[in-house]
Amino acid sequence: MRTLFSGLAAFALLASQVAQAQGSGTADPAQWVNPLIGTDSKPDLSNGNTYPAIARPWGMNFWMPQTGKMGDGWAYQYSADKIRGFKQTHQPSPWMNDYGQFALMPITGKPVFDEDRRASWFSHKAEVAEPNYYRVYLADHDVTAELAPTERAATFRFTFPKTDSAYVVLDAFDKGSQVQVLPQQRRIVGYTTRNSGGVPKNFKNYFILEFDHDFASTTLYQDKSPATGGTLTVTANHAGAIVGFKTRKGERVNVRVASSFISPEQAALNLQELGTKDLESVRQQGRAAWNAVLGRIDVAGGTPDQQRTFYSCLYRTLLFPRKLYELDASGKVMHYSPFNGQVLPGYMYTDTGFWDTFRALFPFLNLMYPEVNTEIQQGLANDYKESGWLPEWGSPGLRNVMVGNNSASVVADAYLKGIRGQDMTVLYEALVHGANNAGPLEAVGRRCWPRAPVPRRARSCPAREYP
């Protein structure tokens, strides 16, 4: 056993040194990534089940073109021919679905809020998808839409035709949302509470949109109907807004967007990630960020298709678990706790199920991206301190799916491979606690432990003890 541990330690040291090195043979591995791979899927045929995540590595927010209806886990399907909007998403899988989502959509003609009526036909021939950039031509509106993200913000560029009826729709989605239009500041602010579970009662994703054009018109929507009385704030089950512009042919309307799970003020602070950079600069910085992580692995030989497959899979590997932490005005790491609803110091990552990832993903992170898994391990300690348990499936908080205590492997493997900086006293306590208690979620497989097994849907535990 001692020899085994010594071998693991030596291998971890070598892997750590490799991880710190720059990839030398592939200067631009991001060129091989195709975010559309795996999107030709549907619920009744489980193949792929991905969406084009336009993001930074492990970014807090992803963006995607939305072809599915609001709330549909299969939000982008390659077979679809209409786009309903461009959605900020935190969805780890179609079965877990999404939380904290809202969408933008540029349109022309009549100001239409309904997601089906505002949708536009598009062709994959006029679609460009990169890990850090997306562009598509919306034929029904004669608009080219582009976006490039940072970790917590994004910049959009909408190129309109000559018209006095150019609009941008902000859809804050249903199940509780608020929208406020600030014409003098060229801003739209608000929040969405839409989620699929695993959140406290005070959960909100606060957003801010900042335009570079004055608004020619503003209309707020309350449950799909225009709000009356000239109000500039709507709180409803389903809130939204449409702002209008008069544009010349080829005129670009730029929108800077950010969000926060902490507060409206923090959302405005997160907007500063964009600085004064234009879309091309944000795009190039995103490309550099992806190349920095993808370039840690050089592959030689193989066909172009094999290179594309490899780096497209590596891109998927480096999306989750996502950062759930933010930086305050002094640069201090903070997070909104999806367990108790408080704003607390320290790292937090989420949107991963250890049942699916403990065997390969986390050992891989330990070897190739140890500095990232150091933050993840610190976040796991915070998970335990705030919820009383390690999350076997977190999205963003504890979710009642999958069995076992696979978190034990994630913690132990990191330590054995040399990851340090985490509070191992807390994490060891968490492992012992998880191994010796049933836990709050029946999916773990220990409901009524140490009593006899009980059918999952039973309302009470049997009195018989194990022999």
Protein backbone atom coordinates (compact mmCIF):
# COMPACT_ATOMS: atom_id res chain seq x y z
CA MET A 1 0.00 0.00 0.00
CA ARG A 2 2.87 2.37 0.83
CA THR A 3 4.37 1.66 -2.61
CA LEU A 4 1.03 2.45 -4.22
CA PHE A 5 0.76 5.79 -2.43
CA SER A 6 4.38 6.65 -3.34
CA GLY A 7 3.66 5.88 -6.99
CA LEU A 8 0.50 8.01 -6.91
CA ALA A 9 2.40 10.89 -5.34
CA ALA A 10 5.15 10.72 -7.97
CA PHE A 11 2.60 10.57 -10.80
CA ALA A 12 0.68 13.51 -9.30
CA LEU A 13 3.87 15.58 -9.11
CA LEU A 14 4.72 14.84 -12.74
CA ALA A 15 1.17 15.60 -13.87
CA SER A 16 1.19 18.85 -11.91
CA GLN A 17 4.39 19.92 -13.66
CA VAL A 18 2.88 19.03 -17.02
CA ALA A 19 -0.26 20.96 -16.16
CA GLN A 20 1.74 24.12 -15.53
CA ALA A 21 3.38 23.92 -18.95
CA GLN A 22 1.99 25.58 -22.04
CA GLY A 23 0.89 23.40 -24.93
CA SER A 24 3.59 23.77 -27.56
CA GLY A 25 2.38 22.07 -30.69
CA THR A 26 -1.14 23.44 -31.07
CA ALA A 27 -1.19 27.23 -30.92
CA ASP A 28 -4.95 27.53 -31.48
CA PRO A 29 -6.69 24.34 -30.32
CA ALA A 30 -9.97 26.25 -29.97
CA GLN A 31 -10.19 26.21 -33.77
CA TRP A 32 -11.01 22.50 -33.56
CA VAL A 33 -13.92 22.87 -31.13
CA ASN A 34 -17.41 22.47 -32.54
CA PRO A 35 -19.99 23.39 -29.86
CA LEU A 36 -22.79 21.98 -32.05
CA ILE A 37 -21.58 18.39 -31.67
CA GLY A 38 -24.18 16.42 -29.70
CA THR A 39 -27.05 18.84 -30.33
CA ASP A 40 -28.90 16.63 -32.83
CA SER A 41 -30.84 15.05 -29.98
CA LYS A 42 -34.34 14.73 -28.62
CA PRO A 43 -35.98 13.41 -25.44
CA ASP A 44 -37.16 10.12 -26.96
CA LEU A 45 -33.72 9.25 -28.38
CA SER A 46 -30.99 9.91 -25.84
CA ASN A 47 -28.00 10.81 -27.98
CA GLY A 48 -25.76 13.78 -27.33
CA ASN A 49 -28.19 15.85 -25.25
CA THR A 50 -25.88 18.88 -25.39
CA TYR A 51 -26.37 22.50 -26.32
CA PRO A 52 -23.90 25.02 -27.76
CA ALA A 53 -22.53 26.52 -24.55
CA ILE A 54 -20.96 29.86 -25.46
CA ALA A 55 -18.88 30.54 -22.39
CA ARG A 56 -15.52 30.86 -20.69
CA PRO A 57 -13.96 27.76 -19.11
CA TRP A 58 -15.93 26.95 -15.93
CA GLY A 59 -17.78 30.28 -16.37
CA MET A 60 -20.61 31.23 -14.03
CA ASN A 61 -22.93 32.01 -16.95
CA PHE A 62 -23.29 30.30 -20.31
CA TRP A 63 -25.19 31.64 -23.32
CA MET A 64 -27.01 29.73 -26.01
CA PRO A 65 -29.37 30.20 -28.95
CA GLN A 66 -32.77 28.99 -27.80
CA THR A 67 -34.81 26.91 -30.25
CA GLY A 68 -36.99 25.17 -27.66
CA LYS A 69 -39.88 26.61 -25.72
CA MET A 70 -39.37 28.29 -22.37
CA GLY A 71 -38.64 25.59 -19.79
CA ASP A 72 -37.76 22.88 -22.32
CA GLY A 73 -34.61 21.04 -21.23
CA TRP A 74 -33.77 20.36 -24.86
CA ALA A 75 -33.39 24.09 -25.40
CA TYR A 76 -31.34 23.85 -28.60
CA GLN A 77 -31.92 21.11 -31.14
CA TYR A 78 -29.93 20.96 -34.36
CA SER A 79 -33.01 19.84 -36.27
CA ALA A 80 -34.91 23.01 -35.33
CA ASP A 81 -35.20 25.86 -37.81
CA LYS A 82 -36.33 28.74 -35.58
CA ILE A 83 -34.63 30.67 -32.79
CA ARG A 84 -36.75 32.17 -30.02
CA GLY A 85 -33.99 34.10 -28.26
CA PHE A 86 -30.49 34.05 -26.84
CA LYS A 87 -30.65 32.65 -23.35
CA GLN A 88 -28.39 32.93 -20.34
CA THR A 89 -28.30 29.38 -19.05
CA HIS A 90 -26.94 27.36 -16.13
CA GLN A 91 -28.26 24.01 -17.31
CA PRO A 92 -25.97 21.01 -16.69
CA SER A 93 -28.21 18.53 -18.51
CA PRO A 94 -31.69 18.47 -20.06
CA TRP A 95 -32.98 16.23 -17.27
CA MET A 96 -31.78 18.55 -14.50
CA ASN A 97 -33.01 21.50 -16.59
CA ASP A 98 -32.13 25.14 -15.92
CA TYR A 99 -32.20 27.89 -13.32
CA GLY A 100 -31.75 31.66 -13.30
CA GLN A 101 -32.43 31.95 -17.03
CA PHE A 102 -33.55 34.93 -19.13
CA ALA A 103 -33.30 35.76 -22.83
CA LEU A 104 -32.74 38.54 -25.37
CA MET A 105 -34.13 38.60 -28.90
CA PRO A 106 -33.68 41.25 -31.65
CA ILE A 107 -36.71 41.68 -33.91
CA THR A 108 -38.08 44.03 -36.56
CA GLY A 109 -41.59 44.93 -37.67
CA LYS A 110 -44.22 44.70 -34.96
CA PRO A 111 -43.08 44.64 -31.31
CA VAL A 112 -43.95 41.06 -30.34
CA PHE A 113 -43.19 39.55 -26.93
CA ASP A 114 -44.63 36.04 -27.35
CA GLU A 115 -41.77 33.57 -27.86
CA ASP A 116 -43.46 31.71 -30.72
CA ARG A 117 -44.48 34.80 -32.68
CA ARG A 118 -41.12 36.55 -32.28
CA ALA A 119 -39.14 33.46 -33.35
CA SER A 120 -37.13 33.67 -36.56
CA TRP A 121 -36.12 31.12 -39.15
CA PHE A 122 -32.39 30.46 -39.36
CA SER A 123 -30.02 28.23 -41.31
CA HIS A 124 -26.92 26.46 -40.07
CA LYS A 125 -25.22 27.84 -43.19
CA ALA A 126 -25.51 31.29 -41.61
CA GLU A 127 -24.52 30.14 -38.13
CA VAL A 128 -21.05 30.35 -36.53
CA ALA A 129 -20.51 28.63 -33.18
CA GLU A 130 -17.22 28.84 -31.30
CA PRO A 131 -16.62 28.19 -27.58
CA ASN A 132 -16.26 31.96 -27.05
CA TYR A 133 -18.44 33.43 -29.81
CA TYR A 134 -21.73 32.90 -31.63
CA ARG A 135 -23.24 34.51 -34.72
CA VAL A 136 -26.40 33.80 -36.66
CA TYR A 137 -28.57 35.51 -39.25
CA LEU A 138 -32.22 35.81 -38.24
CA ALA A 139 -33.94 35.73 -41.62
CA ASP A 140 -37.44 36.77 -40.56
CA HIS A 141 -36.09 39.96 -38.99
CA ASP A 142 -33.14 40.60 -41.34
CA VAL A 143 -30.90 40.87 -38.26
CA THR A 144 -27.45 39.42 -37.61
CA ALA A 145 -26.99 38.58 -33.93
CA GLU A 146 -23.58 38.10 -32.29
CA LEU A 147 -22.46 37.46 -28.73
CA ALA A 148 -19.21 36.96 -26.81
CA PRO A 149 -19.10 36.22 -23.05
CA THR A 150 -16.86 36.69 -20.05
CA GLU A 151 -17.34 34.59 -16.90
CA ARG A 152 -20.25 36.65 -15.57
CA ALA A 153 -21.08 39.07 -18.40
CA ALA A 154 -21.50 39.15 -22.18
CA THR A 155 -21.60 41.61 -25.03
CA PHE A 156 -24.15 41.41 -27.84
CA ARG A 157 -24.10 43.08 -31.26
CA PHE A 158 -27.26 43.24 -33.32
CA THR A 159 -26.93 44.47 -36.92
CA PHE A 160 -30.28 45.81 -38.12
CA PRO A 161 -31.65 46.82 -41.52
CA LYS A 162 -32.93 50.31 -42.27
CA THR A 163 -36.12 50.56 -40.25
CA ASP A 164 -37.98 52.64 -37.70
CA SER A 165 -39.18 49.39 -36.14
CA ALA A 166 -36.07 47.77 -34.69
CA TYR A 167 -36.51 46.22 -31.26
CA VAL A 168 -34.76 44.17 -28.60
CA VAL A 169 -36.91 41.92 -26.43
CA LEU A 170 -35.91 41.11 -22.85
CA ASP A 171 -37.76 38.04 -21.59
CA ALA A 172 -37.30 37.41 -17.85
CA PHE A 173 -39.31 34.17 -18.09
CA ASP A 174 -42.14 32.93 -15.91
CA LYS A 175 -42.43 31.58 -12.36
CA GLY A 176 -41.61 35.00 -10.90
CA SER A 177 -39.68 37.87 -12.46
CA GLN A 178 -39.25 41.63 -12.40
CA VAL A 179 -38.19 44.09 -15.09
CA GLN A 180 -37.45 47.82 -14.81
CA VAL A 181 -36.60 50.09 -17.74
CA LEU A 182 -34.29 53.07 -17.08
CA PRO A 183 -34.42 55.14 -20.30
CA GLN A 184 -32.09 57.91 -19.11
CA GLN A 185 -29.41 55.34 -18.34
CA ARG A 186 -30.17 53.21 -21.43
CA ARG A 187 -30.58 50.28 -19.08
CA ILE A 188 -32.93 47.42 -18.28
CA VAL A 189 -32.58 45.79 -14.86
CA GLY A 190 -34.49 43.12 -13.01
CA TYR A 191 -34.42 39.55 -11.86
CA THR A 192 -35.66 36.08 -12.68
CA THR A 193 -36.51 33.40 -10.14
CA ARG A 194 -37.12 30.58 -12.61
CA ASN A 195 -35.52 27.33 -11.48
CA SER A 196 -35.94 23.56 -11.47
CA GLY A 197 -35.27 22.97 -7.79
CA GLY A 198 -32.27 23.00 -5.50
CA VAL A 199 -32.62 26.65 -4.46
CA PRO A 200 -33.68 28.54 -1.29
CA LYS A 201 -36.84 30.64 -1.17
CA ASN A 202 -34.93 33.90 -1.70
CA PHE A 203 -33.26 32.72 -4.92
CA LYS A 204 -32.94 35.37 -7.65
CA ASN A 205 -30.69 35.95 -10.62
CA TYR A 206 -30.33 39.74 -10.92
CA PHE A 207 -29.53 41.06 -14.39
CA ILE A 208 -28.51 44.31 -15.99
CA LEU A 209 -28.57 45.27 -19.67
CA GLU A 210 -26.80 48.41 -20.90
CA PHE A 211 -27.38 49.71 -24.45
CA ASP A 212 -25.31 52.09 -26.58
CA HIS A 213 -28.43 53.66 -28.17
CA ASP A 214 -31.23 55.79 -26.77
CA PHE A 215 -34.62 54.08 -26.62
CA ALA A 216 -37.09 55.31 -29.23
CA SER A 217 -39.85 53.41 -27.44
CA THR A 218 -40.33 51.26 -24.34
CA THR A 219 -43.06 48.74 -23.54
CA LEU A 220 -43.16 46.51 -20.48
CA TYR A 221 -44.98 43.21 -20.42
CA GLN A 222 -46.87 41.52 -17.63
CA ASP A 223 -47.79 37.89 -18.27
CA LYS A 224 -47.54 38.38 -22.05
CA SER A 225 -49.70 41.51 -22.09
CA PRO A 226 -48.43 45.10 -22.40
CA ALA A 227 -48.41 46.90 -19.06
CA THR A 228 -50.66 49.95 -18.91
CA GLY A 229 -50.26 53.42 -17.45
CA GLY A 230 -46.76 54.10 -18.73
CA THR A 231 -45.17 52.11 -15.93
CA LEU A 232 -41.44 51.46 -16.10
CA THR A 233 -41.41 48.59 -13.57
CA VAL A 234 -43.28 45.30 -13.70
CA THR A 235 -43.26 42.48 -11.17
CA ALA A 236 -45.27 39.47 -12.29
CA ASN A 237 -45.29 35.76 -12.89
CA HIS A 238 -43.81 36.53 -16.32
CA ALA A 239 -42.25 39.95 -16.83
CA GLY A 240 -40.48 41.39 -19.85
CA ALA A 241 -39.74 44.48 -21.88
CA ILE A 242 -39.31 45.62 -25.48
CA VAL A 243 -37.18 48.66 -26.31
CA GLY A 244 -37.26 50.19 -29.78
CA PHE A 245 -34.78 51.94 -32.10
CA LYS A 246 -34.67 53.63 -35.47
CA THR A 247 -31.75 52.22 -37.44
CA ARG A 248 -29.93 52.80 -40.69
CA LYS A 249 -29.00 49.87 -42.93
CA GLY A 250 -26.21 47.96 -41.21
CA GLU A 251 -26.45 49.96 -37.99
CA ARG A 252 -25.29 48.04 -34.94
CA VAL A 253 -26.97 48.12 -31.57
CA ASN A 254 -24.62 46.90 -28.84
CA VAL A 255 -25.87 45.50 -25.53
CA ARG A 256 -23.69 44.75 -22.50
CA VAL A 257 -25.23 42.21 -20.13
CA ALA A 258 -24.27 40.85 -16.71
CA SER A 259 -25.95 39.05 -13.84
CA SER A 260 -25.46 38.10 -10.21
CA PHE A 261 -27.00 35.70 -7.73
CA ILE A 262 -25.98 38.09 -4.94
CA SER A 263 -27.60 41.47 -5.62
CA PRO A 264 -28.43 44.09 -8.29
CA GLU A 265 -25.35 46.04 -7.22
CA GLN A 266 -23.17 42.98 -7.73
CA ALA A 267 -24.66 42.50 -11.20
CA ALA A 268 -23.55 46.04 -12.08
CA LEU A 269 -20.13 45.24 -10.66
CA ASN A 270 -19.94 42.07 -12.76
CA LEU A 271 -20.67 44.20 -15.83
CA GLN A 272 -17.24 45.71 -15.32
CA GLU A 273 -15.72 42.44 -16.52
CA LEU A 274 -16.33 43.84 -20.00
CA GLY A 275 -14.54 47.11 -19.27
CA THR A 276 -14.63 49.28 -22.39
CA LYS A 277 -13.86 46.38 -24.71
CA ASP A 278 -15.85 45.89 -27.90
CA LEU A 279 -17.21 42.55 -29.03
CA GLU A 280 -14.14 41.63 -31.07
CA SER A 281 -11.85 42.23 -28.10
CA VAL A 282 -14.06 40.13 -25.80
CA ARG A 283 -14.15 37.43 -28.46
CA GLN A 284 -10.37 37.35 -28.75
CA GLN A 285 -9.90 37.29 -24.98
CA GLY A 286 -12.32 34.40 -24.79
CA ARG A 287 -10.40 32.58 -27.50
CA ALA A 288 -7.17 33.08 -25.55
CA ALA A 289 -8.81 31.77 -22.37
CA TRP A 290 -9.92 28.60 -24.14
CA ASN A 291 -6.56 28.10 -25.82
CA ALA A 292 -4.83 28.39 -22.44
CA VAL A 293 -6.75 25.42 -21.04
CA LEU A 294 -7.20 23.36 -24.20
CA GLY A 295 -3.52 23.83 -25.04
CA ARG A 296 -2.39 21.93 -21.97
CA ILE A 297 -2.84 18.81 -24.06
CA ASP A 298 -1.14 18.46 -27.45
CA VAL A 299 -2.33 15.68 -29.69
CA ALA A 300 -0.29 14.52 -32.65
CA GLY A 301 -1.34 12.63 -35.73
CA GLY A 302 -4.88 11.62 -36.51
CA THR A 303 -7.28 13.05 -39.03
CA PRO A 304 -8.83 16.52 -38.82
CA ASP A 305 -12.09 14.88 -37.74
CA GLN A 306 -10.30 13.10 -34.91
CA GLN A 307 -8.65 16.34 -33.78
CA ARG A 308 -12.04 18.02 -33.89
CA THR A 309 -13.62 15.24 -31.85
CA PHE A 310 -10.85 15.33 -29.25
CA TYR A 311 -10.87 19.08 -28.63
CA SER A 312 -14.66 19.30 -28.79
CA CYS A 313 -14.86 16.68 -26.04
CA LEU A 314 -12.15 18.44 -24.04
CA TYR A 315 -14.16 21.69 -24.30
CA ARG A 316 -17.17 19.88 -22.81
CA THR A 317 -14.96 18.53 -20.03
CA LEU A 318 -13.91 22.05 -19.02
CA LEU A 319 -17.39 23.58 -18.72
CA PHE A 320 -18.53 21.90 -15.49
CA PRO A 321 -18.61 22.18 -12.57
CA ARG A 322 -19.24 25.88 -13.07
CA LYS A 323 -18.14 28.74 -10.85
CA LEU A 324 -20.89 29.93 -8.54
CA TYR A 325 -18.73 32.55 -6.89
CA GLU A 326 -18.35 36.26 -7.62
CA LEU A 327 -15.83 38.98 -6.75
CA ASP A 328 -16.84 41.97 -4.64
CA ALA A 329 -15.55 45.52 -5.16
CA SER A 330 -12.32 44.72 -3.34
CA GLY A 331 -11.76 41.51 -5.32
CA LYS A 332 -12.77 39.25 -2.45
CA VAL A 333 -14.32 35.91 -3.40
CA MET A 334 -17.99 35.69 -2.36
CA HIS A 335 -20.89 33.43 -3.19
CA TYR A 336 -24.63 33.18 -2.82
CA SER A 337 -25.30 29.95 -0.97
CA PRO A 338 -27.80 27.71 -2.79
CA PHE A 339 -28.27 25.93 0.53
CA ASN A 340 -29.18 28.63 3.05
CA GLY A 341 -29.66 31.71 0.85
CA GLN A 342 -26.93 33.73 2.53
CA VAL A 343 -24.07 35.65 0.92
CA LEU A 344 -20.86 34.16 2.30
CA PRO A 345 -17.12 34.35 1.66
CA GLY A 346 -15.23 31.70 -0.26
CA TYR A 347 -15.37 29.58 -3.39
CA MET A 348 -18.29 27.55 -4.64
CA TYR A 349 -18.74 25.40 -7.75
CA THR A 350 -21.88 23.58 -8.84
CA ASP A 351 -23.76 21.78 -11.63
CA THR A 352 -22.18 18.36 -11.54
CA GLY A 353 -23.34 14.92 -10.44
CA PHE A 354 -20.59 12.90 -8.82
CA TRP A 355 -22.32 9.68 -9.90
CA ASP A 356 -21.36 10.63 -13.46
CA THR A 357 -18.05 12.40 -12.84
CA PHE A 358 -16.14 10.83 -9.94
CA ARG A 359 -14.54 8.10 -12.06
CA ALA A 360 -12.94 10.21 -14.78
CA LEU A 361 -13.59 13.95 -14.69
CA PHE A 362 -12.24 14.72 -11.23
CA PRO A 363 -9.14 12.52 -11.49
CA PHE A 364 -8.49 14.28 -14.81
CA LEU A 365 -8.84 17.71 -13.22
CA ASN A 366 -6.44 16.68 -10.46
CA LEU A 367 -3.79 15.77 -13.03
CA MET A 368 -4.24 18.50 -15.63
CA TYR A 369 -5.94 21.43 -13.88
CA PRO A 370 -4.97 21.10 -10.19
CA GLU A 371 -5.38 24.82 -9.49
CA VAL A 372 -9.04 24.61 -10.53
CA ASN A 373 -9.75 21.54 -8.43
CA THR A 374 -8.13 23.29 -5.46
CA GLU A 375 -10.92 25.87 -5.69
CA ILE A 376 -13.51 23.13 -6.20
CA GLN A 377 -12.34 21.32 -3.05
CA GLN A 378 -12.54 24.56 -1.07
CA GLY A 379 -16.06 24.92 -2.40
CA LEU A 380 -16.95 21.40 -1.27
CA ALA A 381 -15.95 22.33 2.27
CA ASN A 382 -18.32 25.29 2.02
CA ASP A 383 -21.05 22.99 0.68
CA TYR A 384 -20.76 20.87 3.81
CA LYS A 385 -20.62 23.82 6.20
CA GLU A 386 -23.71 25.41 4.64
CA SER A 387 -25.87 22.35 3.97
CA GLY A 388 -24.57 19.73 6.38
CA TRP A 389 -23.74 17.37 3.51
CA LEU A 390 -21.56 16.99 0.46
CA PRO A 391 -23.63 17.33 -2.74
CA GLU A 392 -23.90 14.06 -4.63
CA TRP A 393 -25.72 16.03 -7.34
CA GLY A 394 -25.62 19.79 -7.08
CA SER A 395 -27.61 22.12 -9.36
CA PRO A 396 -27.20 24.58 -7.80
CA GLY A 397 -28.02 23.14 -4.35
CA LEU A 398 -28.70 19.57 -3.24
CA ARG A 399 -30.76 17.55 -5.73
CA ASN A 400 -32.52 14.30 -4.93
CA VAL A 401 -31.06 12.09 -7.68
CA MET A 402 -28.43 9.33 -8.00
CA VAL A 403 -27.22 6.95 -5.31
CA GLY A 404 -24.16 6.51 -3.13
CA ASN A 405 -21.52 8.73 -1.56
CA ASN A 406 -19.40 9.30 -4.63
CA SER A 407 -18.26 12.60 -3.12
CA ALA A 408 -15.92 10.55 -0.90
CA SER A 409 -13.94 9.50 -3.96
CA VAL A 410 -13.78 13.09 -5.25
CA VAL A 411 -12.34 14.35 -1.97
CA ALA A 412 -9.97 11.44 -1.36
CA ASP A 413 -8.57 11.33 -4.89
CA ALA A 414 -7.78 15.05 -4.81
CA TYR A 415 -5.85 14.69 -1.57
CA LEU A 416 -3.94 11.61 -2.71
CA LYS A 417 -2.94 13.37 -5.92
CA GLY A 418 -1.47 16.27 -4.00
CA ILE A 419 -4.24 18.87 -4.06
CA ARG A 420 -3.77 21.20 -1.10
CA GLY A 421 -5.35 24.43 0.15
CA GLN A 422 -8.69 22.89 1.10
CA ASP A 423 -9.78 22.47 4.72
CA MET A 424 -9.21 18.73 5.10
CA THR A 425 -10.44 18.76 8.70
CA VAL A 426 -13.84 19.91 7.47
CA LEU A 427 -13.81 17.62 4.44
CA TYR A 428 -12.84 14.56 6.50
CA GLU A 429 -15.64 15.34 8.92
CA ALA A 430 -17.96 15.56 5.91
CA LEU A 431 -16.84 12.15 4.64
CA VAL A 432 -17.34 10.46 8.02
CA HIS A 433 -20.70 12.18 8.46
CA GLY A 434 -21.87 11.07 5.02
CA ALA A 435 -20.70 7.50 5.57
CA ASN A 436 -22.51 7.09 8.87
CA ASN A 437 -25.80 8.92 8.30
CA ALA A 438 -28.71 8.45 5.96
CA GLY A 439 -28.72 12.04 4.75
CA PRO A 440 -31.62 14.31 3.85
CA LEU A 441 -32.22 12.87 0.36
CA GLU A 442 -33.74 9.47 -0.29
CA ALA A 443 -31.97 9.05 -3.65
CA VAL A 444 -28.64 8.45 -1.89
CA GLY A 445 -30.02 5.01 -1.06
CA ARG A 446 -29.91 5.09 2.72
CA ARG A 447 -33.39 6.12 3.60
CA CYS A 448 -34.38 4.54 6.93
CA TRP A 449 -30.78 3.41 7.46
CA PRO A 450 -29.87 1.48 9.59
CA ARG A 451 -33.36 0.02 9.42
CA ALA A 452 -34.60 -2.41 6.78
CA PRO A 453 -34.89 -1.29 3.17
CA VAL A 454 -38.13 0.43 2.27
CA PRO A 455 -39.82 1.12 -1.08
CA ARG A 456 -38.86 4.57 -2.29
CA ARG A 457 -42.40 5.92 -2.31
CA ALA A 458 -43.32 4.55 1.12
CA ARG A 459 -44.36 7.20 3.63
CA SER A 460 -42.81 5.60 6.70
CA CYS A 461 -39.91 3.33 7.62
CA PRO A 462 -40.51 -0.22 8.83
CA ALA A 463 -39.92 -0.98 12.49
CA ARG A 464 -37.76 -4.08 11.81
CA GLU A 465 -34.06 -3.58 12.39
CA TYR A 466 -31.32 -5.24 10.42
CA PRO A 467 -30.20 -8.48 12.13
